[in-house]
Amino acid sequence: MRTFRRAVLASIAGTALLLGPGVVPARAATPLSLILSTPVGLSGGGNKVVGSVVATTANPVPFVVNKVPVVQFQYNTCSVRARSVAQIATSNGYLSAGTVQVNPADVARITGTKITFKVPSASYPTTDNNGLTSTINTTGLVLGTGLTTAKWNVCVYDSDSLTASNLIASGIYTVVEKPTISAVTPTSTPAAGGKTITVTGTGFTTVTTPLTGAIGGSALTNVKIAADGKSFTATTAAHAPGDDFEMVLNTPGGTVSSLDPDNDNNPADDTDITIDYTNGITVTPTTAPAATTATLDITGAGFSGLSFDPGSPSNSSNAHVFLVNGAYEATSNRGAAECTGAVALTDTEIVCTLDLTGVPEGAYIVTVVANGGVGSGSANPSIVSSGAVFAVAPY
C-alpha cells in the first residue's frame, strides 16, 4: 500500500512540474444544456432571450454571483474555449463561418441557473485591434447570403479568454426571415373553397413550427412550401361570399397580414392584397327529365345563417332556392320553379326537392337567395349563386 501511495504522489508531482508552479490541471466537464425562452428569432437580432440550465451536483451554481457570463453565437459546435469574433459567411447555401459575441452590457445574471441576454444587432467589440471601428458583423446576428434560416449554437463561457475560458452551457438558436407577402394568385376563390392558390413572399419556413394561414378566418389547408422558402401553395376553405378578405399567415418568424404585406407595421405605405370569395355552388344531380321530381344536394358556403320557407313556393322574405331561366331578378325573373323543403344541413350543404312538373326542357341556373321577396332590393340578392347549371332533359 505504501508503495502505491508513493507512486501516486510521484505522478501528481510530475504533472505539476509539467504544468508549472501554481497551475491546477483543468477538470473536464460536460457543458450544461441551455434552455432558451425564445429559440427562434428574426434576422438582425435585437430581441431578449432568457437562458436556463439545470444545476447538477458537480455544478450547483453554474452562473456565479458578480460575474457576467460571456455569450457567443458560433456557427458550428461550441468550442471548449471562447472564440475570436469572425465574420458570418456562407458557402454553397450553408452557413460556413461566423462568431458573434453579445455585448456584456446586454447580458445579466438572474439566478445561479438563469441568465438573460439580447441577441446582437451590431458589432461587439465595436473597435478592432487597431482601435478602428469594427467592420465585423456590423448588423449583428443576421442570415448569411442566400439563407432563409440558419441554426446557431449559443455558447456561454465563464470568461472571454481564448485560452483559459470554460464552456458552461450551450443551446440552439434559429435565425429566420421576417415573413412578407408579395403576391397571391389567383385572388379569388369559390365560396365552397377547394381552390389552390400560390402565395409568394419571404420567410415561409417550417423550421420550428408549421406555417399556417387563413383567409377571412377560414383556414388554409394542404400548405406546401417551396424549397427556397419564397412561396407556398395551399387550398382554400369554404367561406360565405364577399370581397376584399384579409389573409393572415403565422410563421416561425412571426405573423404577417396581407393588409400590411411588407410587414413594417405601417399598412398605409403599401397596397393591400385581398382575396374575394365569389358566388358559386355545385349541384347534384345536374339533370333530370321534365315532369319528374329530383332531390338536389347543393354545396357552397354561407348557408347556416339562412332561414328557408318550408312547404310550398312563396314570395316571403325568407331564403329560397329557385330554378331560374337566366339570371335571377327579384322583380321580373323569379324562376321557373322552386326547390322546396330546403334544409341547410351545414354551412356548406343544402338539400331540397325540385318538382319539374310544367317546367319546359332546357338549361337553368340553380339560385339560392337570402331574401325571396318580390322586389327585395338587389338585382341579385343571392348568398351563393351562378354557375350551377341544371338541365331539364331526358336521360
Protein backbone atom coordinates (compact mmCIF):
# COMPACT_ATOMS: atom_id res chain seq x y z
CA MET A 1 0.00 0.00 0.00
CA ARG A 2 2.84 2.44 0.87
CA THR A 3 4.46 1.70 -2.49
CA PHE A 4 1.18 2.55 -4.29
CA ARG A 5 0.80 5.88 -2.44
CA ARG A 6 4.39 6.86 -3.26
CA ALA A 7 3.72 6.12 -6.96
CA VAL A 8 0.55 8.28 -6.98
CA LEU A 9 2.27 11.19 -5.25
CA ALA A 10 5.17 10.99 -7.64
CA SER A 11 2.76 11.07 -10.58
CA ILE A 12 0.97 14.17 -9.25
CA ALA A 13 4.27 15.92 -8.58
CA GLY A 14 5.43 15.16 -12.11
CA THR A 15 2.23 16.57 -13.57
CA ALA A 16 2.59 19.76 -11.52
CA LEU A 17 6.11 20.23 -12.82
CA LEU A 18 4.92 19.88 -16.39
CA LEU A 19 2.10 22.45 -15.90
CA GLY A 20 4.26 24.88 -13.98
CA PRO A 21 4.05 26.17 -10.41
CA GLY A 22 0.62 27.22 -9.15
CA VAL A 23 -1.26 25.74 -12.14
CA VAL A 24 -4.12 23.34 -11.39
CA PRO A 25 -4.97 20.78 -14.09
CA ALA A 26 -8.23 21.69 -15.93
CA ARG A 27 -11.12 19.43 -14.98
CA ALA A 28 -13.05 18.16 -18.00
CA ALA A 29 -16.75 18.97 -17.65
CA THR A 30 -19.71 18.42 -19.91
CA PRO A 31 -21.46 21.73 -20.67
CA LEU A 32 -24.99 22.06 -19.37
CA SER A 33 -27.98 22.19 -21.72
CA LEU A 34 -29.13 25.79 -22.18
CA ILE A 35 -32.91 26.08 -22.49
CA LEU A 36 -33.88 29.24 -24.37
CA SER A 37 -37.13 31.10 -23.70
CA THR A 38 -37.21 32.07 -27.38
CA PRO A 39 -35.29 29.57 -29.53
CA VAL A 40 -36.23 31.37 -32.76
CA GLY A 41 -35.71 34.99 -33.82
CA LEU A 42 -35.64 37.29 -36.79
CA SER A 43 -32.52 38.08 -38.74
CA GLY A 44 -30.87 41.18 -37.28
CA GLY A 45 -31.43 40.33 -33.62
CA GLY A 46 -32.41 42.92 -31.04
CA ASN A 47 -34.71 40.60 -29.07
CA LYS A 48 -34.14 39.49 -25.49
CA VAL A 49 -33.78 35.83 -24.56
CA VAL A 50 -33.70 34.08 -21.20
CA GLY A 51 -31.39 31.07 -20.91
CA SER A 52 -31.86 28.50 -18.16
CA VAL A 53 -29.89 25.45 -17.05
CA VAL A 54 -30.47 22.70 -14.51
CA ALA A 55 -27.87 22.67 -11.75
CA THR A 56 -26.02 19.45 -11.03
CA THR A 57 -24.16 18.10 -8.03
CA ALA A 58 -20.89 18.76 -9.83
CA ASN A 59 -22.00 22.26 -10.82
CA PRO A 60 -24.61 23.55 -8.33
CA VAL A 61 -24.20 27.26 -9.25
CA PRO A 62 -23.32 27.46 -12.98
CA PHE A 63 -23.67 31.27 -13.13
CA VAL A 64 -21.74 32.67 -10.21
CA VAL A 65 -22.50 35.89 -8.35
CA ASN A 66 -20.85 39.14 -9.51
CA LYS A 67 -19.57 37.60 -12.71
CA VAL A 68 -21.18 38.29 -16.08
CA PRO A 69 -21.06 35.22 -18.35
CA VAL A 70 -19.79 35.61 -21.90
CA VAL A 71 -22.35 34.66 -24.55
CA GLN A 72 -21.34 33.88 -28.12
CA PHE A 73 -23.19 32.62 -31.19
CA GLN A 74 -20.96 30.13 -33.02
CA TYR A 75 -21.68 28.62 -36.42
CA ASN A 76 -20.56 25.05 -35.73
CA THR A 77 -20.34 23.32 -32.35
CA CYS A 78 -19.48 25.32 -29.26
CA SER A 79 -15.71 25.29 -28.81
CA VAL A 80 -14.17 24.42 -25.46
CA ARG A 81 -12.80 27.99 -25.18
CA ALA A 82 -14.34 31.28 -26.25
CA ARG A 83 -13.54 32.25 -29.83
CA SER A 84 -12.46 35.45 -31.50
CA VAL A 85 -15.30 37.17 -33.33
CA ALA A 86 -15.47 36.17 -37.01
CA GLN A 87 -17.48 37.38 -39.98
CA ILE A 88 -20.67 35.47 -40.85
CA ALA A 89 -20.20 33.69 -44.16
CA THR A 90 -21.98 31.13 -46.31
CA SER A 91 -20.82 28.56 -48.82
CA ASN A 92 -22.99 26.60 -51.27
CA GLY A 93 -26.14 27.70 -49.48
CA TYR A 94 -24.96 26.77 -45.98
CA LEU A 95 -23.54 28.69 -43.05
CA SER A 96 -19.75 28.21 -43.14
CA ALA A 97 -18.25 30.65 -40.65
CA GLY A 98 -19.06 33.18 -38.00
CA THR A 99 -18.72 34.01 -34.33
CA VAL A 100 -20.93 36.78 -32.96
CA GLN A 101 -20.45 37.93 -29.38
CA VAL A 102 -23.11 39.51 -27.20
CA ASN A 103 -22.18 42.87 -25.72
CA PRO A 104 -21.53 42.26 -21.97
CA ALA A 105 -23.82 45.23 -21.26
CA ASP A 106 -26.64 43.14 -22.75
CA VAL A 107 -26.00 40.10 -20.54
CA ALA A 108 -27.30 39.78 -16.98
CA ARG A 109 -27.29 37.06 -14.34
CA ILE A 110 -30.76 36.43 -12.93
CA THR A 111 -30.01 33.47 -10.65
CA GLY A 112 -27.38 30.81 -10.37
CA THR A 113 -29.14 28.88 -13.12
CA LYS A 114 -30.63 31.65 -15.25
CA ILE A 115 -29.29 34.49 -17.41
CA THR A 116 -30.75 36.92 -19.90
CA PHE A 117 -29.13 38.40 -22.99
CA LYS A 118 -30.02 40.40 -26.07
CA VAL A 119 -29.38 38.88 -29.49
CA PRO A 120 -26.76 41.10 -31.16
CA SER A 121 -27.90 43.72 -33.66
CA ALA A 122 -24.47 45.36 -34.01
CA SER A 123 -20.77 44.55 -33.73
CA TYR A 124 -19.07 43.67 -30.47
CA PRO A 125 -16.39 44.70 -29.79
CA THR A 126 -17.06 47.97 -31.54
CA THR A 127 -13.39 48.52 -32.42
CA ASP A 128 -10.71 46.25 -33.86
CA ASN A 129 -7.18 45.63 -32.60
CA ASN A 130 -6.02 48.88 -34.20
CA GLY A 131 -8.64 50.97 -32.43
CA LEU A 132 -10.62 51.45 -35.65
CA THR A 133 -14.38 50.92 -35.93
CA SER A 134 -15.06 47.22 -36.31
CA THR A 135 -16.35 46.02 -39.67
CA ILE A 136 -17.18 42.50 -38.46
CA ASN A 137 -20.87 41.62 -38.28
CA THR A 138 -21.96 45.26 -38.16
CA THR A 139 -25.63 44.30 -38.36
CA GLY A 140 -25.41 41.65 -35.67
CA LEU A 141 -26.77 38.13 -35.97
CA VAL A 142 -28.15 38.01 -39.50
CA LEU A 143 -28.81 35.38 -42.12
CA GLY A 144 -25.92 34.84 -44.47
CA THR A 145 -26.25 35.48 -48.18
CA GLY A 146 -28.78 33.15 -49.78
CA LEU A 147 -30.08 31.69 -46.50
CA THR A 148 -33.68 31.75 -45.32
CA THR A 149 -32.94 30.02 -41.99
CA ALA A 150 -29.78 29.26 -40.03
CA LYS A 151 -29.11 27.36 -36.81
CA TRP A 152 -26.57 28.79 -34.39
CA ASN A 153 -25.03 27.41 -31.23
CA VAL A 154 -25.44 29.66 -28.20
CA CYS A 155 -22.27 29.18 -26.15
CA VAL A 156 -21.93 30.51 -22.59
CA TYR A 157 -18.44 30.86 -21.06
CA ASP A 158 -17.08 31.94 -17.71
CA SER A 159 -14.79 34.50 -19.41
CA ASP A 160 -13.77 35.73 -22.84
CA SER A 161 -10.26 34.31 -22.63
CA LEU A 162 -9.30 32.43 -25.76
CA THR A 163 -7.01 30.16 -23.76
CA ALA A 164 -8.44 29.86 -20.25
CA SER A 165 -12.23 30.25 -20.51
CA ASN A 166 -14.54 27.30 -19.84
CA LEU A 167 -17.76 26.40 -21.62
CA ILE A 168 -20.59 26.46 -19.07
CA ALA A 169 -23.66 25.76 -21.23
CA SER A 170 -24.83 25.53 -24.83
CA GLY A 171 -28.11 25.61 -26.74
CA ILE A 172 -29.54 26.03 -30.24
CA TYR A 173 -30.98 29.28 -31.65
CA THR A 174 -32.54 29.50 -35.12
CA VAL A 175 -32.49 32.70 -37.17
CA VAL A 176 -35.34 33.15 -39.67
CA GLU A 177 -36.55 35.75 -42.15
CA LYS A 178 -39.35 38.15 -41.39
CA PRO A 179 -42.44 36.95 -43.28
CA THR A 180 -43.76 39.18 -46.07
CA ILE A 181 -46.36 38.72 -48.81
CA SER A 182 -45.66 39.98 -52.32
CA ALA A 183 -48.48 38.33 -54.28
CA VAL A 184 -51.39 35.89 -54.13
CA THR A 185 -52.52 34.05 -57.27
CA PRO A 186 -55.38 33.86 -58.01
CA THR A 187 -57.04 36.50 -55.84
CA SER A 188 -60.47 34.88 -55.87
CA THR A 189 -61.84 31.53 -54.79
CA PRO A 190 -65.29 29.93 -54.91
CA ALA A 191 -67.35 30.21 -51.76
CA ALA A 192 -67.18 26.44 -51.45
CA GLY A 193 -63.40 26.63 -51.25
CA GLY A 194 -61.19 23.92 -52.72
CA LYS A 195 -59.17 26.37 -54.82
CA THR A 196 -55.37 26.04 -55.00
CA ILE A 197 -53.62 29.37 -54.51
CA THR A 198 -49.95 30.35 -54.67
CA VAL A 199 -48.53 32.87 -52.20
CA THR A 200 -45.12 34.45 -52.82
CA GLY A 201 -43.01 36.45 -50.42
CA THR A 202 -40.33 35.74 -47.82
CA GLY A 203 -39.96 33.89 -44.54
CA PHE A 204 -42.04 30.86 -45.47
CA THR A 205 -40.49 28.06 -43.47
CA THR A 206 -41.44 25.28 -41.09
CA VAL A 207 -38.03 25.11 -39.44
CA THR A 208 -39.51 25.10 -35.93
CA THR A 209 -43.30 25.28 -36.25
CA PRO A 210 -45.69 24.70 -39.17
CA LEU A 211 -46.76 27.61 -41.36
CA THR A 212 -50.47 28.23 -41.01
CA GLY A 213 -52.81 30.77 -42.54
CA ALA A 214 -56.39 31.82 -43.10
CA ILE A 215 -58.45 33.98 -45.45
CA GLY A 216 -61.25 35.83 -43.73
CA GLY A 217 -60.80 33.48 -40.77
CA SER A 218 -61.18 30.31 -42.88
CA ALA A 219 -58.05 28.19 -42.50
CA LEU A 220 -55.86 27.22 -45.44
CA THR A 221 -55.10 23.52 -45.86
CA ASN A 222 -52.56 21.41 -47.77
CA VAL A 223 -49.83 24.00 -47.26
CA LYS A 224 -46.75 23.07 -49.32
CA ILE A 225 -43.68 25.31 -49.06
CA ALA A 226 -41.12 25.71 -51.84
CA ALA A 227 -37.54 24.71 -51.05
CA ASP A 228 -36.32 28.31 -51.24
CA GLY A 229 -38.89 29.49 -48.68
CA LYS A 230 -40.16 32.19 -51.03
CA SER A 231 -43.55 30.71 -51.94
CA PHE A 232 -46.09 28.11 -50.97
CA THR A 233 -49.31 26.61 -52.31
CA ALA A 234 -52.44 25.97 -50.26
CA THR A 235 -56.10 25.05 -50.63
CA THR A 236 -58.82 27.50 -49.66
CA ALA A 237 -61.62 26.58 -47.28
CA ALA A 238 -65.31 27.34 -47.60
CA HIS A 239 -66.46 30.85 -46.70
CA ALA A 240 -69.55 32.96 -47.30
CA PRO A 241 -69.15 35.09 -50.45
CA GLY A 242 -67.67 38.54 -50.16
CA ASP A 243 -64.92 40.83 -51.38
CA ASP A 244 -61.57 42.04 -50.04
CA PHE A 245 -60.85 39.47 -47.36
CA GLU A 246 -57.60 39.62 -45.41
CA MET A 247 -55.06 36.79 -45.45
CA VAL A 248 -53.12 36.23 -42.23
CA LEU A 249 -50.07 33.94 -42.11
CA ASN A 250 -48.38 32.61 -38.99
CA THR A 251 -44.74 31.59 -39.43
CA PRO A 252 -41.78 30.87 -37.16
CA GLY A 253 -40.66 34.44 -37.92
CA GLY A 254 -43.97 35.93 -36.80
CA THR A 255 -47.33 36.93 -38.26
CA VAL A 256 -47.93 38.84 -41.48
CA SER A 257 -51.19 40.29 -42.83
CA SER A 258 -51.98 40.88 -46.48
CA LEU A 259 -53.21 44.33 -45.38
CA ASP A 260 -49.60 45.11 -44.40
CA PRO A 261 -47.80 42.82 -46.84
CA ASP A 262 -44.29 44.22 -46.31
CA ASN A 263 -44.78 43.68 -42.56
CA ASP A 264 -43.40 47.03 -41.45
CA ASN A 265 -46.30 47.88 -39.11
CA ASN A 266 -47.32 50.70 -41.44
CA PRO A 267 -50.26 49.45 -43.56
CA ALA A 268 -50.61 52.86 -45.21
CA ASP A 269 -47.32 52.65 -47.11
CA ASP A 270 -48.21 49.82 -49.48
CA THR A 271 -51.10 48.32 -51.42
CA ASP A 272 -53.37 45.83 -49.70
CA ILE A 273 -53.55 42.31 -51.10
CA THR A 274 -57.04 40.92 -50.67
CA ILE A 275 -58.91 37.81 -51.73
CA ASP A 276 -62.53 37.52 -52.88
CA TYR A 277 -64.89 34.65 -52.18
CA THR A 278 -67.10 34.52 -55.24
CA ASN A 279 -70.67 33.32 -55.52
CA GLY A 280 -70.71 29.75 -56.70
CA ILE A 281 -72.38 26.44 -55.86
CA THR A 282 -72.34 22.90 -57.12
CA VAL A 283 -75.48 20.84 -57.55
CA THR A 284 -76.03 17.08 -57.62
CA PRO A 285 -77.65 15.82 -59.82
CA THR A 286 -77.20 18.26 -62.68
CA THR A 287 -80.07 16.98 -64.84
CA ALA A 288 -83.49 15.35 -64.65
CA PRO A 289 -86.36 14.71 -67.11
CA ALA A 290 -89.31 17.08 -67.31
CA ALA A 291 -92.34 16.30 -65.16
CA THR A 292 -90.25 14.41 -62.58
CA THR A 293 -89.09 15.18 -59.06
CA ALA A 294 -85.42 15.41 -58.11
CA THR A 295 -83.70 15.79 -54.76
CA LEU A 296 -80.94 18.37 -55.10
CA ASP A 297 -77.80 18.33 -52.96
CA ILE A 298 -76.31 21.84 -53.10
CA THR A 299 -72.84 22.61 -51.79
CA GLY A 300 -71.35 26.04 -51.29
CA ALA A 301 -70.86 28.23 -48.22
CA GLY A 302 -72.72 30.69 -46.03
CA PHE A 303 -75.86 28.58 -45.63
CA SER A 304 -76.06 28.32 -41.84
CA GLY A 305 -77.47 31.83 -41.45
CA LEU A 306 -80.33 31.26 -43.90
CA SER A 307 -83.92 30.64 -42.83
CA PHE A 308 -85.81 28.74 -45.54
CA ASP A 309 -89.56 28.71 -46.07
CA PRO A 310 -90.98 25.22 -45.53
CA GLY A 311 -93.57 23.79 -47.86
CA SER A 312 -94.92 25.46 -50.99
CA PRO A 313 -93.25 28.22 -53.03
CA SER A 314 -93.87 31.68 -51.69
CA ASN A 315 -92.81 35.28 -52.05
CA SER A 316 -91.68 35.70 -48.46
CA SER A 317 -88.52 37.47 -47.38
CA ASN A 318 -87.03 34.21 -46.16
CA ALA A 319 -84.42 32.27 -48.11
CA HIS A 320 -85.36 30.29 -51.23
CA VAL A 321 -83.82 28.02 -53.84
CA PHE A 322 -85.05 28.82 -57.36
CA LEU A 323 -84.56 27.19 -60.75
CA VAL A 324 -84.05 30.22 -62.96
CA ASN A 325 -84.03 30.59 -66.73
CA GLY A 326 -81.09 33.01 -66.99
CA ALA A 327 -80.09 35.48 -64.31
CA TYR A 328 -82.33 35.82 -61.28
CA GLU A 329 -84.10 39.17 -60.92
CA ALA A 330 -86.24 39.76 -57.85
CA THR A 331 -88.98 41.69 -59.66
CA SER A 332 -89.16 40.09 -63.09
CA ASN A 333 -87.30 36.76 -63.35
CA ARG A 334 -88.03 34.81 -60.21
CA GLY A 335 -87.54 31.34 -61.62
CA ALA A 336 -89.36 28.56 -63.43
CA ALA A 337 -89.69 26.51 -60.25
CA GLU A 338 -88.71 26.46 -56.59
CA CYS A 339 -86.77 23.72 -54.85
CA THR A 340 -88.97 23.27 -51.79
CA GLY A 341 -88.42 21.90 -48.32
CA ALA A 342 -84.91 23.34 -48.34
CA VAL A 343 -82.83 22.47 -45.28
CA ALA A 344 -79.32 23.73 -44.54
CA LEU A 345 -77.65 20.60 -43.22
CA THR A 346 -74.43 22.51 -42.58
CA ASP A 347 -72.96 25.85 -43.50
CA THR A 348 -71.85 24.29 -46.78
CA GLU A 349 -74.74 21.99 -47.77
CA ILE A 350 -78.44 22.36 -48.61
CA VAL A 351 -80.89 19.60 -49.56
CA CYS A 352 -84.21 20.37 -51.24
CA THR A 353 -86.88 18.82 -53.52
CA LEU A 354 -87.35 20.09 -57.07
CA ASP A 355 -90.69 19.39 -58.80
CA LEU A 356 -90.25 19.77 -62.56
CA THR A 357 -93.96 19.49 -63.40
CA GLY A 358 -94.71 22.06 -66.09
CA VAL A 359 -91.06 23.09 -66.46
CA PRO A 360 -90.02 23.10 -70.15
CA GLU A 361 -86.86 21.28 -71.20
CA GLY A 362 -83.77 23.48 -71.24
CA ALA A 363 -80.77 24.69 -69.24
CA TYR A 364 -81.45 26.54 -65.99
CA ILE A 365 -79.40 28.05 -63.16
CA VAL A 366 -79.96 26.94 -59.58
CA THR A 367 -80.00 30.11 -57.49
CA VAL A 368 -80.01 30.44 -53.69
CA VAL A 369 -81.32 33.78 -52.42
CA ALA A 370 -81.30 35.14 -48.91
CA ASN A 371 -84.48 37.18 -49.46
CA GLY A 372 -87.16 35.81 -51.75
CA GLY A 373 -89.48 38.79 -51.52
CA VAL A 374 -90.67 40.38 -54.76
CA GLY A 375 -88.58 43.48 -55.46
CA SER A 376 -86.44 42.78 -52.40
CA GLY A 377 -83.82 45.28 -53.45
CA SER A 378 -80.70 43.98 -55.14
CA ALA A 379 -81.00 42.70 -58.68
CA ASN A 380 -79.34 39.51 -57.43
CA PRO A 381 -79.57 39.13 -53.66
CA SER A 382 -78.10 35.63 -53.75
CA ILE A 383 -75.93 34.39 -50.93
CA VAL A 384 -74.48 31.79 -53.30
CA SER A 385 -75.38 31.72 -56.94
CA SER A 386 -74.31 31.49 -60.58
CA GLY A 387 -72.51 28.71 -62.33
CA ALA A 388 -74.72 25.86 -61.08
CA VAL A 389 -76.40 24.77 -64.31
CA PHE A 390 -79.22 22.25 -64.13
CA ALA A 391 -80.60 20.72 -67.33
CA VAL A 392 -84.20 19.64 -67.70
CA ALA A 393 -83.89 16.97 -70.37
CA PRO A 394 -84.46 13.26 -70.99
CA TYR A 395 -81.64 10.94 -69.83
